[in-house]
C-alpha atoms as a PDB file:
ATOM      1  CA  MET A   1     -72.226 -54.000  36.348  1.00  0.00           C
ATOM      2  CA  ASP A   2     -72.344 -54.613  32.733  1.00  0.00           C
ATOM      3  CA  PHE A   3     -68.903 -55.179  30.787  1.00  0.00           C
ATOM      4  CA  SER A   4     -68.416 -54.295  27.093  1.00  0.00           C
ATOM      5  CA  ILE A   5     -68.895 -57.004  24.157  1.00  0.00           C
ATOM      6  CA  LYS A   6     -65.035 -56.389  23.567  1.00  0.00           C
ATOM      7  CA  GLU A   7     -64.210 -57.434  27.020  1.00  0.00           C
ATOM      8  CA  GLN A   8     -66.384 -60.354  26.855  1.00  0.00           C
ATOM      9  CA  PHE A   9     -65.014 -61.395  23.530  1.00  0.00           C
ATOM     10  CA  GLU A  10     -61.476 -60.885  25.132  1.00  0.00           C
ATOM     11  CA  GLY A  11     -62.014 -63.332  27.765  1.00  0.00           C
ATOM     12  CA  PHE A  12     -63.416 -65.826  25.769  1.00  0.00           C
ATOM     13  CA  LEU A  13     -60.235 -65.486  23.586  1.00  0.00           C
ATOM     14  CA  ALA A  14     -57.966 -65.764  26.405  1.00  0.00           C
ATOM     15  CA  THR A  15     -59.441 -68.820  28.135  1.00  0.00           C
ATOM     16  CA  PRO A  16     -57.350 -71.769  27.144  1.00  0.00           C
ATOM     17  CA  GLN A  17     -58.018 -75.272  25.837  1.00  0.00           C
ATOM     18  CA  ILE A  18     -58.563 -77.990  28.644  1.00  0.00           C
ATOM     19  CA  TYR A  19     -55.924 -80.172  27.070  1.00  0.00           C
ATOM     20  CA  ALA A  20     -52.448 -79.225  25.928  1.00  0.00           C
ATOM     21  CA  GLU A  21     -52.024 -81.951  23.484  1.00  0.00           C
ATOM     22  CA  ASP A  22     -54.050 -83.256  20.282  1.00  0.00           C
ATOM     23  CA  HIS A  23     -53.698 -87.029  21.348  1.00  0.00           C
ATOM     24  CA  ILE A  24     -55.838 -86.801  24.683  1.00  0.00           C
ATOM     25  CA  LEU A  25     -59.307 -87.343  22.816  1.00  0.00           C
ATOM     26  CA  ASP A  26     -58.550 -88.835  19.340  1.00  0.00           C
ATOM     27  CA  TYR A  27     -59.555 -85.669  17.860  1.00  0.00           C
ATOM     28  CA  PRO A  28     -57.517 -82.706  16.966  1.00  0.00           C
ATOM     29  CA  LEU A  29     -57.673 -79.438  18.673  1.00  0.00           C
ATOM     30  CA  TYR A  30     -58.854 -76.543  17.179  1.00  0.00           C
ATOM     31  CA  HIS A  31     -55.873 -74.146  17.459  1.00  0.00           C
ATOM     32  CA  ALA A  32     -54.641 -70.630  16.183  1.00  0.00           C
ATOM     33  CA  PHE A  33     -56.585 -68.443  18.432  1.00  0.00           C
ATOM     34  CA  HIS A  34     -55.883 -64.507  18.150  1.00  0.00           C
ATOM     35  CA  LEU A  35     -55.080 -62.871  21.551  1.00  0.00           C
ATOM     36  CA  ALA A  36     -55.416 -59.002  21.498  1.00  0.00           C
ATOM     37  CA  SER A  37     -56.399 -56.296  24.137  1.00  0.00           C
ATOM     38  CA  PRO A  38     -60.001 -55.190  23.694  1.00  0.00           C
ATOM     39  CA  GLU A  39     -58.651 -51.969  22.315  1.00  0.00           C
ATOM     40  CA  GLU A  40     -57.322 -53.908  19.177  1.00  0.00           C
ATOM     41  CA  LEU A  41     -60.214 -56.107  18.934  1.00  0.00           C
ATOM     42  CA  PRO A  42     -62.927 -55.326  16.096  1.00  0.00           C
ATOM     43  CA  GLU A  43     -66.208 -54.525  16.719  1.00  0.00           C
ATOM     44  CA  ILE A  44     -68.586 -57.405  16.898  1.00  0.00           C
ATOM     45  CA  SER A  45     -72.196 -57.784  17.273  1.00  0.00           C
ATOM     46  CA  ALA A  46     -73.736 -58.505  20.956  1.00  0.00           C
ATOM     47  CA  PRO A  47     -74.577 -62.177  21.677  1.00  0.00           C
ATOM     48  CA  GLY A  48     -78.569 -62.319  21.652  1.00  0.00           C
ATOM     49  CA  ALA A  49     -78.597 -65.447  24.039  1.00  0.00           C
ATOM     50  CA  THR A  50     -78.198 -65.152  27.699  1.00  0.00           C
ATOM     51  CA  ILE A  51     -77.069 -68.818  28.393  1.00  0.00           C
ATOM     52  CA  LEU A  52     -73.312 -68.828  28.931  1.00  0.00           C
ATOM     53  CA  GLY A  53     -72.477 -71.591  26.471  1.00  0.00           C
ATOM     54  CA  LYS A  54     -74.602 -69.929  23.541  1.00  0.00           C
ATOM     55  CA  ARG A  55     -72.960 -66.534  24.072  1.00  0.00           C
ATOM     56  CA  MET A  56     -69.714 -68.551  23.584  1.00  0.00           C
ATOM     57  CA  GLU A  57     -70.764 -69.959  20.360  1.00  0.00           C
ATOM     58  CA  HIS A  58     -71.678 -66.433  18.979  1.00  0.00           C
ATOM     59  CA  PHE A  59     -67.957 -65.426  19.967  1.00  0.00           C
ATOM     60  CA  PHE A  60     -66.517 -68.528  18.457  1.00  0.00           C
ATOM     61  CA  ALA A  61     -68.433 -67.524  15.110  1.00  0.00           C
ATOM     62  CA  SER A  62     -67.119 -63.793  15.388  1.00  0.00           C
ATOM     63  CA  TYR A  63     -63.529 -65.559  15.887  1.00  0.00           C
ATOM     64  CA  ILE A  64     -64.159 -67.307  12.777  1.00  0.00           C
ATOM     65  CA  ASP A  65     -65.240 -64.327  10.461  1.00  0.00           C
ATOM     66  CA  GLN A  66     -62.628 -62.046  12.047  1.00  0.00           C
ATOM     67  CA  PHE A  67     -59.163 -64.076  11.958  1.00  0.00           C
ATOM     68  CA  THR A  68     -59.605 -67.061  10.082  1.00  0.00           C
ATOM     69  CA  SER A  69     -59.752 -67.869   6.454  1.00  0.00           C
ATOM     70  CA  GLU A  70     -62.891 -70.329   7.225  1.00  0.00           C
ATOM     71  CA  MET A  71     -66.382 -69.822   6.389  1.00  0.00           C
ATOM     72  CA  ILE A  72     -69.238 -71.202   8.338  1.00  0.00           C
ATOM     73  CA  LEU A  73     -71.389 -73.484   6.679  1.00  0.00           C
ATOM     74  CA  ALA A  74     -73.611 -74.549   9.276  1.00  0.00           C
ATOM     75  CA  HIS A  75     -73.971 -73.446  12.850  1.00  0.00           C
ATOM     76  CA  ASN A  76     -76.012 -75.260  15.767  1.00  0.00           C
ATOM     77  CA  ARG A  77     -77.744 -77.153  13.190  1.00  0.00           C
ATOM     78  CA  GLN A  78     -80.326 -79.689  15.176  1.00  0.00           C
ATOM     79  CA  ILE A  79     -80.455 -83.193  13.597  1.00  0.00           C
ATOM     80  CA  ILE A  80     -83.934 -84.625  13.968  1.00  0.00           C
ATOM     81  CA  GLN A  81     -85.230 -88.035  13.191  1.00  0.00           C
ATOM     82  CA  ASP A  82     -88.724 -89.325  13.341  1.00  0.00           C
ATOM     83  CA  GLN A  83     -89.730 -85.900  15.136  1.00  0.00           C
ATOM     84  CA  LYS A  84     -87.009 -86.518  17.899  1.00  0.00           C
ATOM     85  CA  THR A  85     -84.215 -84.215  17.983  1.00  0.00           C
ATOM     86  CA  LEU A  86     -81.076 -86.426  18.307  1.00  0.00           C
ATOM     87  CA  GLY A  87     -78.604 -83.730  18.926  1.00  0.00           C
ATOM     88  CA  GLU A  88     -76.952 -80.932  17.141  1.00  0.00           C
ATOM     89  CA  LEU A  89     -73.473 -79.957  15.019  1.00  0.00           C
ATOM     90  CA  ASP A  90     -71.890 -76.963  16.655  1.00  0.00           C
ATOM     91  CA  PHE A  91     -69.971 -75.966  13.469  1.00  0.00           C
ATOM     92  CA  LEU A  92     -69.122 -76.935   9.962  1.00  0.00           C
ATOM     93  CA  LEU A  93     -66.650 -74.962   8.578  1.00  0.00           C
ATOM     94  CA  LYS A  94     -64.819 -74.549   5.104  1.00  0.00           C
ATOM     95  CA  ASN A  95     -61.047 -73.345   4.728  1.00  0.00           C
ATOM     96  CA  ASN A  96     -61.487 -70.887   1.606  1.00  0.00           C
ATOM     97  CA  ILE A  97     -58.093 -71.483   0.781  1.00  0.00           C
ATOM     98  CA  SER A  98     -57.820 -75.307   1.015  1.00  0.00           C
ATOM     99  CA  GLY A  99     -61.096 -76.288   0.657  1.00  0.00           C
ATOM    100  CA  GLY A 100     -60.881 -78.478   3.851  1.00  0.00           C
ATOM    101  CA  ILE A 101     -63.939 -79.215   5.715  1.00  0.00           C
ATOM    102  CA  SER A 102     -63.970 -79.388   9.623  1.00  0.00           C
ATOM    103  CA  HIS A 103     -66.682 -80.248  12.275  1.00  0.00           C
ATOM    104  CA  VAL A 104     -66.113 -78.618  15.356  1.00  0.00           C
ATOM    105  CA  GLU A 105     -67.489 -79.189  18.722  1.00  0.00           C
ATOM    106  CA  LEU A 106     -67.270 -76.104  20.861  1.00  0.00           C
ATOM    107  CA  VAL A 107     -67.142 -76.483  24.840  1.00  0.00           C
ATOM    108  CA  TYR A 108     -66.366 -73.864  27.239  1.00  0.00           C
ATOM    109  CA  LYS A 109     -66.681 -74.809  31.175  1.00  0.00           C
ATOM    110  CA  PHE A 110     -65.609 -73.981  34.402  1.00  0.00           C
ATOM    111  CA  TYR A 111     -64.534 -76.770  36.766  1.00  0.00           C
ATOM    112  CA  ILE A 112     -63.475 -76.931  40.289  1.00  0.00           C
ATOM    113  CA  TYR A 113     -61.007 -79.911  41.138  1.00  0.00           C
ATOM    114  CA  ASP A 114     -62.638 -82.176  44.003  1.00  0.00           C
ATOM    115  CA  GLU A 115     -60.557 -85.305  44.697  1.00  0.00           C
ATOM    116  CA  ALA A 116     -63.588 -86.746  46.759  1.00  0.00           C
ATOM    117  CA  THR A 117     -65.513 -86.931  43.638  1.00  0.00           C
ATOM    118  CA  GLY A 118     -64.491 -89.986  41.411  1.00  0.00           C
ATOM    119  CA  SER A 119     -61.554 -92.073  40.768  1.00  0.00           C
ATOM    120  CA  SER A 120     -59.752 -90.205  37.859  1.00  0.00           C
ATOM    121  CA  GLU A 121     -58.667 -86.800  36.910  1.00  0.00           C
ATOM    122  CA  SER A 122     -61.445 -86.311  34.526  1.00  0.00           C
ATOM    123  CA  ASP A 123     -63.950 -87.129  37.164  1.00  0.00           C
ATOM    124  CA  HIS A 124     -62.232 -84.863  39.842  1.00  0.00           C
ATOM    125  CA  LEU A 125     -63.273 -82.021  37.779  1.00  0.00           C
ATOM    126  CA  ILE A 126     -66.761 -80.939  38.277  1.00  0.00           C
ATOM    127  CA  GLY A 127     -69.014 -78.179  37.606  1.00  0.00           C
ATOM    128  CA  PRO A 128     -69.308 -75.751  40.738  1.00  0.00           C
ATOM    129  CA  ASN A 129     -72.769 -76.990  41.397  1.00  0.00           C
ATOM    130  CA  LYS A 130     -71.816 -80.792  41.093  1.00  0.00           C
ATOM    131  CA  ARG A 131     -74.214 -81.115  38.348  1.00  0.00           C
ATOM    132  CA  ASP A 132     -71.525 -82.256  35.785  1.00  0.00           C
ATOM    133  CA  SER A 133     -67.904 -83.555  35.452  1.00  0.00           C
ATOM    134  CA  LEU A 134     -65.391 -83.568  32.547  1.00  0.00           C
ATOM    135  CA  GLY A 135     -65.538 -87.000  32.669  1.00  0.00           C
ATOM    136  CA  ARG A 136     -69.338 -87.294  31.548  1.00  0.00           C
ATOM    137  CA  LYS A 137     -68.685 -84.374  29.185  1.00  0.00           C
ATOM    138  CA  ILE A 138     -65.809 -86.319  27.325  1.00  0.00           C
ATOM    139  CA  ASP A 139     -68.135 -89.226  27.358  1.00  0.00           C
ATOM    140  CA  ARG A 140     -70.893 -87.493  25.552  1.00  0.00           C
ATOM    141  CA  LEU A 141     -68.643 -86.047  23.147  1.00  0.00           C
ATOM    142  CA  LYS A 142     -67.258 -89.403  22.125  1.00  0.00           C
ATOM    143  CA  LYS A 143     -70.350 -91.342  22.069  1.00  0.00           C
ATOM    144  CA  ARG A 144     -72.931 -88.741  20.880  1.00  0.00           C
ATOM    145  CA  GLN A 145     -71.809 -85.587  19.550  1.00  0.00           C
ATOM    146  CA  PHE A 146     -68.918 -86.758  17.208  1.00  0.00           C
ATOM    147  CA  PRO A 147     -70.574 -89.788  15.975  1.00  0.00           C
ATOM    148  CA  LEU A 148     -73.759 -87.763  14.935  1.00  0.00           C
ATOM    149  CA  LEU A 149     -71.899 -86.514  11.903  1.00  0.00           C
ATOM    150  CA  TYR A 150     -72.360 -89.907  10.509  1.00  0.00           C
ATOM    151  CA  HIS A 151     -75.808 -90.849  11.457  1.00  0.00           C
ATOM    152  CA  GLU A 152     -78.354 -91.317   8.518  1.00  0.00           C
ATOM    153  CA  ALA A 153     -80.494 -88.355   9.971  1.00  0.00           C
ATOM    154  CA  THR A 154     -77.411 -85.844   9.043  1.00  0.00           C
ATOM    155  CA  ARG A 155     -77.134 -86.830   5.716  1.00  0.00           C
ATOM    156  CA  ASN A 156     -79.729 -84.304   4.366  1.00  0.00           C
ATOM    157  CA  LEU A 157     -77.884 -81.579   6.073  1.00  0.00           C
ATOM    158  CA  LEU A 158     -74.603 -82.887   4.285  1.00  0.00           C
ATOM    159  CA  ASP A 159     -76.163 -83.348   0.931  1.00  0.00           C
ATOM    160  CA  GLU A 160     -77.355 -79.913   1.143  1.00  0.00           C
ATOM    161  CA  LEU A 161     -74.094 -78.520   1.834  1.00  0.00           C
ATOM    162  CA  GLU A 162     -72.439 -80.913  -0.742  1.00  0.00           C
ATOM    163  CA  VAL A 163     -70.184 -82.536   1.966  1.00  0.00           C
ATOM    164  CA  ALA A 164     -69.050 -85.767   2.342  1.00  0.00           C
ATOM    165  CA  PRO A 165     -68.844 -87.056   5.667  1.00  0.00           C
ATOM    166  CA  ASN A 166     -65.700 -89.143   4.896  1.00  0.00           C
ATOM    167  CA  ASP A 167     -63.961 -85.881   3.885  1.00  0.00           C
ATOM    168  CA  VAL A 168     -64.785 -84.188   7.238  1.00  0.00           C
ATOM    169  CA  VAL A 169     -62.043 -83.596   9.852  1.00  0.00           C
ATOM    170  CA  GLN A 170     -63.603 -83.719  13.371  1.00  0.00           C
ATOM    171  CA  LYS A 171     -61.985 -81.144  15.812  1.00  0.00           C
ATOM    172  CA  MET A 172     -62.607 -79.998  19.381  1.00  0.00           C
ATOM    173  CA  CYS A 173     -62.353 -76.544  20.826  1.00  0.00           C
ATOM    174  CA  PHE A 174     -62.573 -77.441  24.758  1.00  0.00           C
ATOM    175  CA  LYS A 175     -62.008 -74.119  26.585  1.00  0.00           C
ATOM    176  CA  ALA A 176     -62.102 -74.098  30.334  1.00  0.00           C
ATOM    177  CA  SER A 177     -61.078 -72.583  33.675  1.00  0.00           C
ATOM    178  CA  VAL A 178     -59.980 -74.877  36.400  1.00  0.00           C
ATOM    179  CA  PHE A 179     -60.132 -74.086  39.886  1.00  0.00           C
ATOM    180  CA  LEU A 180     -58.290 -76.110  42.706  1.00  0.00           C
ATOM    181  CA  PRO A 181     -59.087 -76.232  46.208  1.00  0.00           C
ATOM    182  CA  LYS A 182     -57.382 -73.466  48.182  1.00  0.00           C
ATOM    183  CA  ARG A 183     -55.638 -75.624  50.564  1.00  0.00           C
ATOM    184  CA  MET A 184     -54.105 -77.820  48.197  1.00  0.00           C
ATOM    185  CA  ASP A 185     -50.509 -76.735  48.076  1.00  0.00           C
ATOM    186  CA  ARG A 186     -49.502 -78.517  45.042  1.00  0.00           C
ATOM    187  CA  ILE A 187     -51.245 -80.625  42.509  1.00  0.00           C
ATOM    188  CA  SER A 188     -49.784 -82.826  39.455  1.00  0.00           C
ATOM    189  CA  LEU A 189     -52.105 -82.775  36.572  1.00  0.00           C
ATOM    190  CA  GLU A 190     -51.399 -85.509  34.039  1.00  0.00           C
ATOM    191  CA  ILE A 191     -53.613 -84.539  31.210  1.00  0.00           C
ATOM    192  CA  ILE A 192     -55.053 -81.372  31.985  1.00  0.00           C
ATOM    193  CA  ASN A 193     -53.472 -78.263  30.474  1.00  0.00           C
ATOM    194  CA  PRO A 194     -51.838 -76.267  33.726  1.00  0.00           C
ATOM    195  CA  ALA A 195     -52.607 -73.064  31.931  1.00  0.00           C
ATOM    196  CA  THR A 196     -56.252 -73.739  32.621  1.00  0.00           C
ATOM    197  CA  ILE A 197     -55.872 -73.220  36.331  1.00  0.00           C
ATOM    198  CA  SER A 198     -57.581 -69.818  37.114  1.00  0.00           C
ATOM    199  CA  GLY A 199     -57.785 -69.722  40.654  1.00  0.00           C
ATOM    200  CA  TYR A 200     -59.283 -71.821  43.732  1.00  0.00           C
ATOM    201  CA  TRP A 201     -62.614 -72.793  45.668  1.00  0.00           C
ATOM    202  CA  ILE A 202     -63.530 -72.546  49.045  1.00  0.00           C
ATOM    203  CA  LYS A 203     -66.482 -73.876  51.623  1.00  0.00           C
ATOM    204  CA  THR A 204     -68.868 -70.980  52.933  1.00  0.00           C
ATOM    205  CA  SER A 205     -67.169 -71.634  56.215  1.00  0.00           C
ATOM    206  CA  GLU A 206     -63.784 -70.443  54.626  1.00  0.00           C
ATOM    207  CA  PHE A 207     -65.001 -67.280  53.767  1.00  0.00           C
ATOM    208  CA  THR A 208     -64.522 -65.568  57.016  1.00  0.00           C
ATOM    209  CA  LEU A 209     -64.629 -62.006  58.097  1.00  0.00           C
ATOM    210  CA  GLU A 210     -60.954 -62.386  59.561  1.00  0.00           C
ATOM    211  CA  ALA A 211     -59.340 -63.985  56.730  1.00  0.00           C
ATOM    212  CA  TYR A 212     -60.630 -61.654  53.720  1.00  0.00           C
ATOM    213  CA  GLN A 213     -61.703 -58.145  55.496  1.00  0.00           C
ATOM    214  CA  LYS A 214     -58.713 -56.233  53.883  1.00  0.00           C
ATOM    215  CA  ASN A 215     -59.948 -57.253  50.527  1.00  0.00           C
ATOM    216  CA  LYS A 216     -62.598 -55.979  47.914  1.00  0.00           C
ATOM    217  CA  PHE A 217     -65.161 -58.228  46.057  1.00  0.00           C
ATOM    218  CA  PHE A 218     -67.208 -58.381  43.195  1.00  0.00           C
ATOM    219  CA  ILE A 219     -69.565 -61.204  42.289  1.00  0.00           C
ATOM    220  CA  PRO A 220     -70.204 -61.042  38.248  1.00  0.00           C
ATOM    221  CA  ALA A 221     -73.141 -62.580  36.598  1.00  0.00           C
ATOM    222  CA  LYS A 222     -72.383 -65.718  34.924  1.00  0.00           C
ATOM    223  CA  ASN A 223     -72.596 -64.094  31.676  1.00  0.00           C
ATOM    224  CA  TYR A 224     -69.435 -62.324  32.544  1.00  0.00           C
ATOM    225  CA  TRP A 225     -67.778 -65.172  34.051  1.00  0.00           C
ATOM    226  CA  PRO A 226     -65.202 -65.186  30.984  1.00  0.00           C
ATOM    227  CA  VAL A 227     -64.026 -61.606  31.568  1.00  0.00           C
ATOM    228  CA  LYS A 228     -60.857 -60.567  33.385  1.00  0.00           C
ATOM    229  CA  PRO A 229     -61.311 -59.366  36.739  1.00  0.00           C
ATOM    230  CA  GLN A 230     -59.106 -56.366  36.118  1.00  0.00           C
ATOM    231  CA  ARG A 231     -61.670 -54.960  33.887  1.00  0.00           C
ATOM    232  CA  ASN A 232     -63.926 -54.419  36.842  1.00  0.00           C
ATOM    233  CA  SER A 233     -64.224 -50.862  38.270  1.00  0.00           C
ATOM    234  CA  THR A 234     -66.911 -51.562  41.122  1.00  0.00           C
ATOM    235  CA  TRP A 235     -65.731 -53.243  44.362  1.00  0.00           C
ATOM    236  CA  LEU A 236     -67.368 -54.121  47.621  1.00  0.00           C
ATOM    237  CA  THR A 237     -66.118 -54.730  51.166  1.00  0.00           C
ATOM    238  CA  ARG A 238     -66.503 -58.170  52.888  1.00  0.00           C
ATOM    239  CA  GLN A 239     -69.389 -56.913  54.617  1.00  0.00           C
ATOM    240  CA  GLU A 240     -71.250 -55.399  51.456  1.00  0.00           C
ATOM    241  CA  ILE A 241     -70.661 -58.678  49.622  1.00  0.00           C
ATOM    242  CA  GLU A 242     -72.173 -60.995  52.085  1.00  0.00           C
ATOM    243  CA  PRO A 243     -76.093 -60.579  51.409  1.00  0.00           C
ATOM    244  CA  GLN A 244     -75.704 -61.079  47.535  1.00  0.00           C
ATOM    245  CA  LEU A 245     -73.460 -64.104  48.636  1.00  0.00           C
ATOM    246  CA  HIS A 246     -75.850 -65.534  50.991  1.00  0.00           C
ATOM    247  CA  GLN A 247     -78.755 -65.056  48.343  1.00  0.00           C
ATOM    248  CA  LEU A 248     -76.983 -67.159  45.909  1.00  0.00           C
ATOM    249  CA  LEU A 249     -75.997 -69.814  48.073  1.00  0.00           C
ATOM    250  CA  ALA A 250     -79.355 -70.063  49.575  1.00  0.00           C
ATOM    251  CA  LYS A 251     -80.558 -71.011  46.011  1.00  0.00           C
ATOM    252  CA  LYS A 252     -77.605 -73.832  45.868  1.00  0.00           C
ATOM    253  CA  PHE A 253     -75.606 -71.791  43.143  1.00  0.00           C
ATOM    254  CA  SER A 254     -71.725 -71.607  43.998  1.00  0.00           C
ATOM    255  CA  PRO A 255     -70.973 -68.035  43.023  1.00  0.00           C
ATOM    256  CA  LEU A 256     -67.586 -66.793  41.294  1.00  0.00           C
ATOM    257  CA  VAL A 257     -65.931 -64.265  43.215  1.00  0.00           C
ATOM    258  CA  TRP A 258     -63.610 -61.599  41.878  1.00  0.00           C
ATOM    259  CA  MET A 259     -61.113 -60.362  44.788  1.00  0.00           C
ATOM    260  CA  LYS A 260     -58.873 -57.271  44.601  1.00  0.00           C
ATOM    261  CA  THR A 261     -56.093 -57.343  47.354  1.00  0.00           C
ATOM    262  CA  PRO A 262     -54.672 -53.965  48.852  1.00  0.00           C
ATOM    263  CA  SER A 263     -51.781 -54.420  46.680  1.00  0.00           C
ATOM    264  CA  GLY A 264     -53.848 -54.272  43.734  1.00  0.00           C
ATOM    265  CA  LYS A 265     -53.673 -58.275  42.959  1.00  0.00           C
ATOM    266  CA  HIS A 266     -56.669 -59.871  41.288  1.00  0.00           C
ATOM    267  CA  GLU A 267     -57.802 -63.319  41.986  1.00  0.00           C
ATOM    268  CA  ARG A 268     -60.812 -65.381  41.230  1.00  0.00           C
ATOM    269  CA  PHE A 269     -62.352 -68.085  43.271  1.00  0.00           C
ATOM    270  CA  PHE A 270     -65.746 -70.115  43.825  1.00  0.00           C
ATOM    271  CA  VAL A 271     -67.707 -70.250  47.033  1.00  0.00           C
ATOM    272  CA  VAL A 272     -69.292 -73.644  47.147  1.00  0.00           C
ATOM    273  CA  TRP A 273     -72.563 -74.293  48.580  1.00  0.00           C
ATOM    274  CA  TRP A 274     -72.064 -77.599  49.172  1.00  0.00           C
END
């Protein structure tokens, strides 16, 4: 099933930031997101990219164009030195009213909370396939992505834009959805925004017919993970969803599952392959 661009845009806008406070990472958060229903959102173009992160960059650019007084000076500009790509700057923005320049790094992630991984809250938050973690992402932001603005190889781009690096305010827009273990009754998050908690995760052995047979399900393609499950109109039984589920798990891919209960409640959870 396909979902409209407005429904995807809505899901992006509604996703909260991983931190509730500015001081966590020494960089201020990019705030002031406009929340609206799909009916109230403007028409925007469809993202050309298929990768989830690139699609979210398209929606962020659309948000800047539609809801702010800022203009995009540069987007996704690669910084190259001696034929080697050092990295890229996500967004350079100029406020048309104040004239202020900001460098915004955009991150959009889905994390599961696994106490068996790592020794800190940031390390406990890992990708559903165990390929990344919040701790590693923050380390990369601090050591590589934000310092790139001041690298000598970036000077040509900044000169072209007539921007002095010392006049630029660096900000982070880190949107995330966090999924807790289903059997974890209570969790005390110290730095993570509790608004990011979006559902739970289970092992394959826990997704039993006995526990879930009364509900209906849908497995969205990764492109549609940000969409609200309430927007879905196609639902399958536990038995009907099983072949699709096992096909993904066999490829070592942990699918996101949307569930609708007999009472009409919607839930989101991951079934992990490991």
